[in-house]
């Protein structure tokens, strides 16, 4: 569903399960304004959406998913940890400047 919503932005490069850094990010986006977006999705089996979001953001950092965007000279990177449990959802966002080490 998330990919379907993002596809409405026809001029964005959207990749799903693309190899970036030291693994495969769930969703990686490059916009025409040189903004990179990394989205990691988690299902919170125990219902703890906040913990699942933190786990998603930690995975983005640990597996260095932003490195691929930095190599494309992306100026700003936005990282999203998204967690789902049944009909509930939580999103946590972190912005970084690619010139600053993350």
PDB file of N, CA and C in Angstrom:
ATOM      1  N   UNK A   1       0.819  -1.180   0.000  1.00  0.00           N
ATOM      2  CA  UNK A   1       0.000   0.000   0.000  1.00  0.00           C
ATOM      3  C   UNK A   1       0.872   1.257   0.000  1.00  0.00           C
ATOM      4  N   UNK A   2       1.938   1.244   0.799  1.00  0.00           N
ATOM      5  CA  UNK A   2       2.827   2.407   0.873  1.00  0.00           C
ATOM      6  C   UNK A   2       3.446   2.682  -0.495  1.00  0.00           C
ATOM      7  N   UNK A   3       3.908   1.646  -1.165  1.00  0.00           N
ATOM      8  CA  UNK A   3       4.493   1.823  -2.502  1.00  0.00           C
ATOM      9  C   UNK A   3       3.482   2.400  -3.475  1.00  0.00           C
ATOM     10  N   UNK A   4       2.253   1.956  -3.407  1.00  0.00           N
ATOM     11  CA  UNK A   4       1.208   2.479  -4.285  1.00  0.00           C
ATOM     12  C   UNK A   4       0.993   3.965  -4.089  1.00  0.00           C
ATOM     13  N   UNK A   5       0.996   4.410  -2.849  1.00  0.00           N
ATOM     14  CA  UNK A   5       0.840   5.846  -2.566  1.00  0.00           C
ATOM     15  C   UNK A   5       2.021   6.643  -3.101  1.00  0.00           C
ATOM     16  N   UNK A   6       3.208   6.104  -2.962  1.00  0.00           N
ATOM     17  CA  UNK A   6       4.404   6.819  -3.407  1.00  0.00           C
ATOM     18  C   UNK A   6       4.494   6.894  -4.932  1.00  0.00           C
ATOM     19  N   UNK A   7       3.960   5.916  -5.623  1.00  0.00           N
ATOM     20  CA  UNK A   7       4.044   5.881  -7.086  1.00  0.00           C
ATOM     21  C   UNK A   7       3.305   7.050  -7.742  1.00  0.00           C
ATOM     22  N   UNK A   8       2.439   7.727  -6.987  1.00  0.00           N
ATOM     23  CA  UNK A   8       1.729   8.873  -7.554  1.00  0.00           C
ATOM     24  C   UNK A   8       2.677  10.030  -7.870  1.00  0.00           C
ATOM     25  N   UNK A   9       3.868   9.989  -7.297  1.00  0.00           N
ATOM     26  CA  UNK A   9       4.894  10.993  -7.594  1.00  0.00           C
ATOM     27  C   UNK A   9       5.685  10.502  -8.800  1.00  0.00           C
ATOM     28  N   UNK A  10       5.203  10.787  -9.972  1.00  0.00           N
ATOM     29  CA  UNK A  10       5.761  10.239 -11.205  1.00  0.00           C
ATOM     30  C   UNK A  10       7.217  10.569 -11.466  1.00  0.00           C
ATOM     31  N   UNK A  11       7.736  11.645 -10.912  1.00  0.00           N
ATOM     32  CA  UNK A  11       9.118  12.042 -11.184  1.00  0.00           C
ATOM     33  C   UNK A  11      10.086  11.609 -10.081  1.00  0.00           C
ATOM     34  N   UNK A  12       9.652  10.769  -9.167  1.00  0.00           N
ATOM     35  CA  UNK A  12      10.527  10.229  -8.135  1.00  0.00           C
ATOM     36  C   UNK A  12      11.057   8.872  -8.581  1.00  0.00           C
ATOM     37  N   UNK A  13      12.310   8.586  -8.250  1.00  0.00           N
ATOM     38  CA  UNK A  13      12.872   7.255  -8.448  1.00  0.00           C
ATOM     39  C   UNK A  13      12.594   6.468  -7.171  1.00  0.00           C
ATOM     40  N   UNK A  14      11.754   5.447  -7.282  1.00  0.00           N
ATOM     41  CA  UNK A  14      11.344   4.662  -6.123  1.00  0.00           C
ATOM     42  C   UNK A  14      11.815   3.228  -6.316  1.00  0.00           C
ATOM     43  N   UNK A  15      12.559   2.732  -5.327  1.00  0.00           N
ATOM     44  CA  UNK A  15      13.059   1.362  -5.384  1.00  0.00           C
ATOM     45  C   UNK A  15      12.590   0.610  -4.140  1.00  0.00           C
ATOM     46  N   UNK A  16      12.168  -0.622  -4.346  1.00  0.00           N
ATOM     47  CA  UNK A  16      11.740  -1.467  -3.241  1.00  0.00           C
ATOM     48  C   UNK A  16      12.724  -2.626  -3.097  1.00  0.00           C
ATOM     49  N   UNK A  17      13.147  -2.873  -1.868  1.00  0.00           N
ATOM     50  CA  UNK A  17      14.124  -3.930  -1.572  1.00  0.00           C
ATOM     51  C   UNK A  17      15.389  -3.790  -2.406  1.00  0.00           C
ATOM     52  N   UNK A  18      15.835  -2.561  -2.562  1.00  0.00           N
ATOM     53  CA  UNK A  18      17.059  -2.292  -3.322  1.00  0.00           C
ATOM     54  C   UNK A  18      18.271  -2.486  -2.424  1.00  0.00           C
ATOM     55  N   UNK A  19      19.337  -2.982  -3.009  1.00  0.00           N
ATOM     56  CA  UNK A  19      20.577  -3.158  -2.247  1.00  0.00           C
ATOM     57  C   UNK A  19      21.190  -1.788  -2.006  1.00  0.00           C
ATOM     58  N   UNK A  20      21.312  -1.433  -0.745  1.00  0.00           N
ATOM     59  CA  UNK A  20      21.921  -0.164  -0.346  1.00  0.00           C
ATOM     60  C   UNK A  20      22.739  -0.406   0.909  1.00  0.00           C
ATOM     61  N   UNK A  21      23.889   0.214   0.984  1.00  0.00           N
ATOM     62  CA  UNK A  21      24.724   0.025   2.170  1.00  0.00           C
ATOM     63  C   UNK A  21      25.094  -1.434   2.338  1.00  0.00           C
ATOM     64  N   UNK A  22      24.736  -1.987   3.475  1.00  0.00           N
ATOM     65  CA  UNK A  22      25.082  -3.371   3.794  1.00  0.00           C
ATOM     66  C   UNK A  22      23.843  -4.259   3.873  1.00  0.00           C
ATOM     67  N   UNK A  23      22.867  -3.981   3.024  1.00  0.00           N
ATOM     68  CA  UNK A  23      21.649  -4.786   3.043  1.00  0.00           C
ATOM     69  C   UNK A  23      20.650  -4.287   2.017  1.00  0.00           C
ATOM     70  N   UNK A  24      19.390  -4.560   2.275  1.00  0.00           N
ATOM     71  CA  UNK A  24      18.308  -4.197   1.362  1.00  0.00           C
ATOM     72  C   UNK A  24      17.275  -3.384   2.117  1.00  0.00           C
ATOM     73  N   UNK A  25      17.163  -2.110   1.766  1.00  0.00           N
ATOM     74  CA  UNK A  25      16.164  -1.264   2.420  1.00  0.00           C
ATOM     75  C   UNK A  25      14.784  -1.583   1.855  1.00  0.00           C
ATOM     76  N   UNK A  26      13.755  -1.413   2.677  1.00  0.00           N
ATOM     77  CA  UNK A  26      12.401  -1.693   2.207  1.00  0.00           C
ATOM     78  C   UNK A  26      12.019  -0.755   1.066  1.00  0.00           C
ATOM     79  N   UNK A  27      12.209   0.559   1.271  1.00  0.00           N
ATOM     80  CA  UNK A  27      11.880   1.537   0.234  1.00  0.00           C
ATOM     81  C   UNK A  27      12.959   2.619   0.229  1.00  0.00           C
ATOM     82  N   UNK A  28      13.452   2.938  -0.952  1.00  0.00           N
ATOM     83  CA  UNK A  28      14.455   3.990  -1.128  1.00  0.00           C
ATOM     84  C   UNK A  28      13.971   4.916  -2.250  1.00  0.00           C
ATOM     85  N   UNK A  29      13.991   6.218  -1.994  1.00  0.00           N
ATOM     86  CA  UNK A  29      13.438   7.196  -2.933  1.00  0.00           C
ATOM     87  C   UNK A  29      14.448   8.305  -3.181  1.00  0.00           C
ATOM     88  N   UNK A  30      14.544   8.745  -4.428  1.00  0.00           N
ATOM     89  CA  UNK A  30      15.296   9.945  -4.800  1.00  0.00           C
ATOM     90  C   UNK A  30      14.309  10.897  -5.470  1.00  0.00           C
ATOM     91  N   UNK A  31      14.237  12.131  -4.983  1.00  0.00           N
ATOM     92  CA  UNK A  31      13.333  13.109  -5.583  1.00  0.00           C
ATOM     93  C   UNK A  31      14.107  14.011  -6.542  1.00  0.00           C
ATOM     94  N   UNK A  32      13.353  14.757  -7.327  1.00  0.00           N
ATOM     95  CA  UNK A  32      13.976  15.667  -8.285  1.00  0.00           C
ATOM     96  C   UNK A  32      14.683  16.830  -7.584  1.00  0.00           C
ATOM     97  N   UNK A  33      14.390  17.070  -6.318  1.00  0.00           N
ATOM     98  CA  UNK A  33      15.018  18.156  -5.557  1.00  0.00           C
ATOM     99  C   UNK A  33      16.207  17.661  -4.739  1.00  0.00           C
ATOM    100  N   UNK A  34      16.751  16.492  -5.117  1.00  0.00           N
ATOM    101  CA  UNK A  34      17.928  15.908  -4.482  1.00  0.00           C
ATOM    102  C   UNK A  34      17.702  15.601  -3.004  1.00  0.00           C
ATOM    103  N   UNK A  35      16.504  15.156  -2.709  1.00  0.00           N
ATOM    104  CA  UNK A  35      16.171  14.677  -1.371  1.00  0.00           C
ATOM    105  C   UNK A  35      16.041  13.165  -1.458  1.00  0.00           C
ATOM    106  N   UNK A  36      16.704  12.481  -0.539  1.00  0.00           N
ATOM    107  CA  UNK A  36      16.606  11.026  -0.473  1.00  0.00           C
ATOM    108  C   UNK A  36      15.734  10.623   0.704  1.00  0.00           C
ATOM    109  N   UNK A  37      14.949   9.581   0.495  1.00  0.00           N
ATOM    110  CA  UNK A  37      14.054   9.094   1.540  1.00  0.00           C
ATOM    111  C   UNK A  37      14.274   7.595   1.687  1.00  0.00           C
ATOM    112  N   UNK A  38      14.479   7.169   2.925  1.00  0.00           N
ATOM    113  CA  UNK A  38      14.610   5.742   3.220  1.00  0.00           C
ATOM    114  C   UNK A  38      13.484   5.380   4.176  1.00  0.00           C
ATOM    115  N   UNK A  39      12.742   4.339   3.824  1.00  0.00           N
ATOM    116  CA  UNK A  39      11.633   3.888   4.656  1.00  0.00           C
ATOM    117  C   UNK A  39      11.863   2.420   5.019  1.00  0.00           C
ATOM    118  N   UNK A  40      11.866   2.153   6.305  1.00  0.00           N
ATOM    119  CA  UNK A  40      11.980   0.776   6.785  1.00  0.00           C
ATOM    120  C   UNK A  40      10.676   0.433   7.509  1.00  0.00           C
ATOM    121  N   UNK A  41      10.071  -0.672   7.129  1.00  0.00           N
ATOM    122  CA  UNK A  41       8.773  -1.086   7.654  1.00  0.00           C
ATOM    123  C   UNK A  41       8.940  -2.261   8.624  1.00  0.00           C
ATOM    124  N   UNK A  42       8.180  -2.214   9.705  1.00  0.00           N
ATOM    125  CA  UNK A  42       8.209  -3.299  10.690  1.00  0.00           C
ATOM    126  C   UNK A  42       6.784  -3.623  11.120  1.00  0.00           C
ATOM    127  N   UNK A  43       6.526  -4.897  11.361  1.00  0.00           N
ATOM    128  CA  UNK A  43       5.259  -5.309  11.966  1.00  0.00           C
ATOM    129  C   UNK A  43       5.515  -5.519  13.451  1.00  0.00           C
ATOM    130  N   UNK A  44       4.759  -4.822  14.285  1.00  0.00           N
ATOM    131  CA  UNK A  44       4.927  -4.893  15.741  1.00  0.00           C
ATOM    132  C   UNK A  44       4.018  -5.995  16.289  1.00  0.00           C
ATOM    133  N   UNK A  45       4.539  -7.194  16.328  1.00  0.00           N
ATOM    134  CA  UNK A  45       3.731  -8.340  16.767  1.00  0.00           C
ATOM    135  C   UNK A  45       3.223  -8.181  18.189  1.00  0.00           C
ATOM    136  N   UNK A  46       4.007  -7.524  19.035  1.00  0.00           N
ATOM    137  CA  UNK A  46       3.601  -7.338  20.428  1.00  0.00           C
ATOM    138  C   UNK A  46       2.766  -6.073  20.636  1.00  0.00           C
ATOM    139  N   UNK A  47       2.519  -5.323  19.561  1.00  0.00           N
ATOM    140  CA  UNK A  47       1.729  -4.103  19.649  1.00  0.00           C
ATOM    141  C   UNK A  47       2.512  -2.872  20.033  1.00  0.00           C
ATOM    142  N   UNK A  48       3.807  -3.008  20.303  1.00  0.00           N
ATOM    143  CA  UNK A  48       4.637  -1.872  20.713  1.00  0.00           C
ATOM    144  C   UNK A  48       5.156  -1.160  19.459  1.00  0.00           C
ATOM    145  N   UNK A  49       4.354  -0.237  18.966  1.00  0.00           N
ATOM    146  CA  UNK A  49       4.686   0.471  17.729  1.00  0.00           C
ATOM    147  C   UNK A  49       5.930   1.332  17.883  1.00  0.00           C
ATOM    148  N   UNK A  50       6.083   1.971  19.017  1.00  0.00           N
ATOM    149  CA  UNK A  50       7.251   2.843  19.236  1.00  0.00           C
ATOM    150  C   UNK A  50       8.555   2.044  19.175  1.00  0.00           C
ATOM    151  N   UNK A  51       8.581   0.895  19.820  1.00  0.00           N
ATOM    152  CA  UNK A  51       9.787   0.058  19.808  1.00  0.00           C
ATOM    153  C   UNK A  51      10.083  -0.434  18.389  1.00  0.00           C
ATOM    154  N   UNK A  52       9.041  -0.775  17.641  1.00  0.00           N
ATOM    155  CA  UNK A  52       9.241  -1.250  16.270  1.00  0.00           C
ATOM    156  C   UNK A  52       9.778  -0.133  15.378  1.00  0.00           C
ATOM    157  N   UNK A  53       9.311   1.100  15.582  1.00  0.00           N
ATOM    158  CA  UNK A  53       9.840   2.244  14.818  1.00  0.00           C
ATOM    159  C   UNK A  53      11.314   2.459  15.132  1.00  0.00           C
ATOM    160  N   UNK A  54      11.663   2.385  16.403  1.00  0.00           N
ATOM    161  CA  UNK A  54      13.064   2.540  16.800  1.00  0.00           C
ATOM    162  C   UNK A  54      13.926   1.441  16.188  1.00  0.00           C
ATOM    163  N   UNK A  55      13.404   0.231  16.158  1.00  0.00           N
ATOM    164  CA  UNK A  55      14.126  -0.889  15.556  1.00  0.00           C
ATOM    165  C   UNK A  55      14.341  -0.644  14.063  1.00  0.00           C
ATOM    166  N   UNK A  56      13.334  -0.092  13.395  1.00  0.00           N
ATOM    167  CA  UNK A  56      13.452   0.206  11.963  1.00  0.00           C
ATOM    168  C   UNK A  56      14.526   1.266  11.721  1.00  0.00           C
ATOM    169  N   UNK A  57      14.522   2.331  12.507  1.00  0.00           N
ATOM    170  CA  UNK A  57      15.528   3.387  12.349  1.00  0.00           C
ATOM    171  C   UNK A  57      16.929   2.877  12.681  1.00  0.00           C
ATOM    172  N   UNK A  58      17.028   2.020  13.682  1.00  0.00           N
ATOM    173  CA  UNK A  58      18.321   1.434  14.028  1.00  0.00           C
ATOM    174  C   UNK A  58      18.840   0.568  12.882  1.00  0.00           C
ATOM    175  N   UNK A  59      17.955  -0.157  12.227  1.00  0.00           N
ATOM    176  CA  UNK A  59      18.357  -0.979  11.084  1.00  0.00           C
ATOM    177  C   UNK A  59      18.882  -0.103   9.948  1.00  0.00           C
ATOM    178  N   UNK A  60      18.232   1.034   9.704  1.00  0.00           N
ATOM    179  CA  UNK A  60      18.700   1.963   8.667  1.00  0.00           C
ATOM    180  C   UNK A  60      20.132   2.395   8.964  1.00  0.00           C
ATOM    181  N   UNK A  61      20.420   2.708  10.233  1.00  0.00           N
ATOM    182  CA  UNK A  61      21.757   3.141  10.623  1.00  0.00           C
ATOM    183  C   UNK A  61      22.757   1.989  10.597  1.00  0.00           C
ATOM    184  N   UNK A  62      22.382   0.878  11.229  1.00  0.00           N
ATOM    185  CA  UNK A  62      23.303  -0.257  11.348  1.00  0.00           C
ATOM    186  C   UNK A  62      23.717  -0.810   9.979  1.00  0.00           C
ATOM    187  N   UNK A  63      22.794  -0.834   9.045  1.00  0.00           N
ATOM    188  CA  UNK A  63      23.085  -1.398   7.727  1.00  0.00           C
ATOM    189  C   UNK A  63      23.483  -0.337   6.696  1.00  0.00           C
ATOM    190  N   UNK A  64      23.623   0.906   7.165  1.00  0.00           N
ATOM    191  CA  UNK A  64      24.150   2.011   6.362  1.00  0.00           C
ATOM    192  C   UNK A  64      23.393   2.205   5.047  1.00  0.00           C
ATOM    193  N   UNK A  65      22.051   2.175   5.134  1.00  0.00           N
ATOM    194  CA  UNK A  65      21.234   2.333   3.937  1.00  0.00           C
ATOM    195  C   UNK A  65      21.417   3.690   3.264  1.00  0.00           C
ATOM    196  N   UNK A  66      21.791   4.720   4.014  1.00  0.00           N
ATOM    197  CA  UNK A  66      21.945   6.063   3.441  1.00  0.00           C
ATOM    198  C   UNK A  66      23.173   6.179   2.538  1.00  0.00           C
ATOM    199  N   UNK A  67      24.107   5.261   2.632  1.00  0.00           N
ATOM    200  CA  UNK A  67      25.342   5.347   1.836  1.00  0.00           C
ATOM    201  C   UNK A  67      25.061   5.396   0.335  1.00  0.00           C
ATOM    202  N   UNK A  68      24.117   4.603  -0.128  1.00  0.00           N
ATOM    203  CA  UNK A  68      23.786   4.605  -1.552  1.00  0.00           C
ATOM    204  C   UNK A  68      23.277   5.955  -2.021  1.00  0.00           C
ATOM    205  N   UNK A  69      22.513   6.618  -1.179  1.00  0.00           N
ATOM    206  CA  UNK A  69      22.005   7.946  -1.532  1.00  0.00           C
ATOM    207  C   UNK A  69      23.132   8.979  -1.521  1.00  0.00           C
ATOM    208  N   UNK A  70      24.040   8.859  -0.578  1.00  0.00           N
ATOM    209  CA  UNK A  70      25.173   9.790  -0.512  1.00  0.00           C
ATOM    210  C   UNK A  70      26.041   9.689  -1.764  1.00  0.00           C
ATOM    211  N   UNK A  71      26.193   8.476  -2.283  1.00  0.00           N
ATOM    212  CA  UNK A  71      26.975   8.286  -3.513  1.00  0.00           C
ATOM    213  C   UNK A  71      26.290   8.913  -4.730  1.00  0.00           C
ATOM    214  N   UNK A  72      24.998   9.166  -4.636  1.00  0.00           N
ATOM    215  CA  UNK A  72      24.256   9.835  -5.721  1.00  0.00           C
ATOM    216  C   UNK A  72      24.216  11.346  -5.518  1.00  0.00           C
ATOM    217  N   UNK A  73      25.014  11.832  -4.573  1.00  0.00           N
ATOM    218  CA  UNK A  73      25.090  13.261  -4.256  1.00  0.00           C
ATOM    219  C   UNK A  73      23.756  13.836  -3.787  1.00  0.00           C
ATOM    220  N   UNK A  74      23.037  13.048  -3.029  1.00  0.00           N
ATOM    221  CA  UNK A  74      21.788  13.520  -2.442  1.00  0.00           C
ATOM    222  C   UNK A  74      22.125  14.485  -1.311  1.00  0.00           C
ATOM    223  N   UNK A  75      21.473  15.646  -1.310  1.00  0.00           N
ATOM    224  CA  UNK A  75      21.799  16.701  -0.352  1.00  0.00           C
ATOM    225  C   UNK A  75      21.160  16.508   1.022  1.00  0.00           C
ATOM    226  N   UNK A  76      19.927  16.023   1.058  1.00  0.00           N
ATOM    227  CA  UNK A  76      19.228  15.786   2.322  1.00  0.00           C
ATOM    228  C   UNK A  76      18.671  14.378   2.308  1.00  0.00           C
ATOM    229  N   UNK A  77      18.718  13.735   3.455  1.00  0.00           N
ATOM    230  CA  UNK A  77      18.195  12.379   3.579  1.00  0.00           C
ATOM    231  C   UNK A  77      17.194  12.365   4.725  1.00  0.00           C
ATOM    232  N   UNK A  78      16.030  11.811   4.441  1.00  0.00           N
ATOM    233  CA  UNK A  78      14.987  11.659   5.446  1.00  0.00           C
ATOM    234  C   UNK A  78      14.794  10.165   5.678  1.00  0.00           C
ATOM    235  N   UNK A  79      14.826   9.777   6.943  1.00  0.00           N
ATOM    236  CA  UNK A  79      14.694   8.365   7.296  1.00  0.00           C
ATOM    237  C   UNK A  79      13.385   8.172   8.060  1.00  0.00           C
ATOM    238  N   UNK A  80      12.619   7.187   7.632  1.00  0.00           N
ATOM    239  CA  UNK A  80      11.345   6.883   8.277  1.00  0.00           C
ATOM    240  C   UNK A  80      11.366   5.461   8.818  1.00  0.00           C
ATOM    241  N   UNK A  81      11.003   5.317  10.064  1.00  0.00           N
ATOM    242  CA  UNK A  81      10.718   4.019  10.646  1.00  0.00           C
ATOM    243  C   UNK A  81       9.212   3.918  10.761  1.00  0.00           C
ATOM    244  N   UNK A  82       8.620   2.931  10.094  1.00  0.00           N
ATOM    245  CA  UNK A  82       7.170   2.771  10.113  1.00  0.00           C
ATOM    246  C   UNK A  82       6.834   1.426  10.741  1.00  0.00           C
ATOM    247  N   UNK A  83       5.893   1.457  11.685  1.00  0.00           N
ATOM    248  CA  UNK A  83       5.485   0.230  12.353  1.00  0.00           C
ATOM    249  C   UNK A  83       3.973   0.056  12.230  1.00  0.00           C
ATOM    250  N   UNK A  84       3.579  -1.195  12.076  1.00  0.00           N
ATOM    251  CA  UNK A  84       2.176  -1.539  11.927  1.00  0.00           C
ATOM    252  C   UNK A  84       1.819  -2.647  12.904  1.00  0.00           C
ATOM    253  N   UNK A  85       0.594  -2.612  13.381  1.00  0.00           N
ATOM    254  CA  UNK A  85       0.040  -3.712  14.168  1.00  0.00           C
ATOM    255  C   UNK A  85      -1.469  -3.666  13.978  1.00  0.00           C
ATOM    256  N   UNK A  86      -1.976  -4.682  13.343  1.00  0.00           N
ATOM    257  CA  UNK A  86      -3.394  -4.745  13.000  1.00  0.00           C
ATOM    258  C   UNK A  86      -3.785  -3.475  12.252  1.00  0.00           C
ATOM    259  N   UNK A  87      -4.677  -2.651  12.796  1.00  0.00           N
ATOM    260  CA  UNK A  87      -5.117  -1.446  12.086  1.00  0.00           C
ATOM    261  C   UNK A  87      -4.421  -0.182  12.576  1.00  0.00           C
ATOM    262  N   UNK A  88      -3.391  -0.342  13.379  1.00  0.00           N
ATOM    263  CA  UNK A  88      -2.660   0.810  13.903  1.00  0.00           C
ATOM    264  C   UNK A  88      -1.335   0.976  13.185  1.00  0.00           C
ATOM    265  N   UNK A  89      -0.890   2.230  13.122  1.00  0.00           N
ATOM    266  CA  UNK A  89       0.368   2.546  12.450  1.00  0.00           C
ATOM    267  C   UNK A  89       1.045   3.689  13.193  1.00  0.00           C
ATOM    268  N   UNK A  90       2.374   3.666  13.209  1.00  0.00           N
ATOM    269  CA  UNK A  90       3.155   4.768  13.779  1.00  0.00           C
ATOM    270  C   UNK A  90       4.325   5.030  12.850  1.00  0.00           C
ATOM    271  N   UNK A  91       4.660   6.308  12.692  1.00  0.00           N
ATOM    272  CA  UNK A  91       5.776   6.701  11.841  1.00  0.00           C
ATOM    273  C   UNK A  91       6.682   7.630  12.633  1.00  0.00           C
ATOM    274  N   UNK A  92       7.988   7.336  12.592  1.00  0.00           N
ATOM    275  CA  UNK A  92       8.988   8.204  13.218  1.00  0.00           C
ATOM    276  C   UNK A  92       9.946   8.639  12.120  1.00  0.00           C
ATOM    277  N   UNK A  93      10.244   9.942  12.079  1.00  0.00           N
ATOM    278  CA  UNK A  93      11.084  10.504  11.020  1.00  0.00           C
ATOM    279  C   UNK A  93      12.342  11.130  11.598  1.00  0.00           C
ATOM    280  N   UNK A  94      13.464  10.967  10.866  1.00  0.00           N
ATOM    281  CA  UNK A  94      14.731  11.603  11.219  1.00  0.00           C
ATOM    282  C   UNK A  94      15.285  12.224   9.950  1.00  0.00           C
ATOM    283  N   UNK A  95      15.615  13.527   9.997  1.00  0.00           N
ATOM    284  CA  UNK A  95      16.222  14.209   8.852  1.00  0.00           C
ATOM    285  C   UNK A  95      17.719  14.329   9.084  1.00  0.00           C
ATOM    286  N   UNK A  96      18.482  14.185   8.013  1.00  0.00           N
ATOM    287  CA  UNK A  96      19.921  14.400   8.114  1.00  0.00           C
ATOM    288  C   UNK A  96      20.407  15.155   6.886  1.00  0.00           C
ATOM    289  N   UNK A  97      21.490  15.857   7.058  1.00  0.00           N
ATOM    290  CA  UNK A  97      22.189  16.501   5.952  1.00  0.00           C
ATOM    291  C   UNK A  97      23.284  15.538   5.530  1.00  0.00           C
ATOM    292  N   UNK A  98      23.325  15.179   4.257  1.00  0.00           N
ATOM    293  CA  UNK A  98      24.279  14.147   3.813  1.00  0.00           C
ATOM    294  C   UNK A  98      25.734  14.580   3.958  1.00  0.00           C
ATOM    295  N   UNK A  99      25.976  15.859   4.161  1.00  0.00           N
ATOM    296  CA  UNK A  99      27.356  16.306   4.347  1.00  0.00           C
ATOM    297  C   UNK A  99      27.830  16.052   5.787  1.00  0.00           C
ATOM    298  N   UNK A 100      26.890  15.723   6.660  1.00  0.00           N
ATOM    299  CA  UNK A 100      27.213  15.439   8.052  1.00  0.00           C
ATOM    300  C   UNK A 100      27.173  13.931   8.237  1.00  0.00           C
ATOM    301  N   UNK A 101      28.231  13.319   8.768  1.00  0.00           N
ATOM    302  CA  UNK A 101      28.215  11.861   8.978  1.00  0.00           C
ATOM    303  C   UNK A 101      27.073  11.427   9.870  1.00  0.00           C
ATOM    304  N   UNK A 102      26.441  10.279   9.529  1.00  0.00           N
ATOM    305  CA  UNK A 102      25.332   9.780  10.347  1.00  0.00           C
ATOM    306  C   UNK A 102      25.766   8.578  11.142  1.00  0.00           C
TER     307      UNK A 102
END
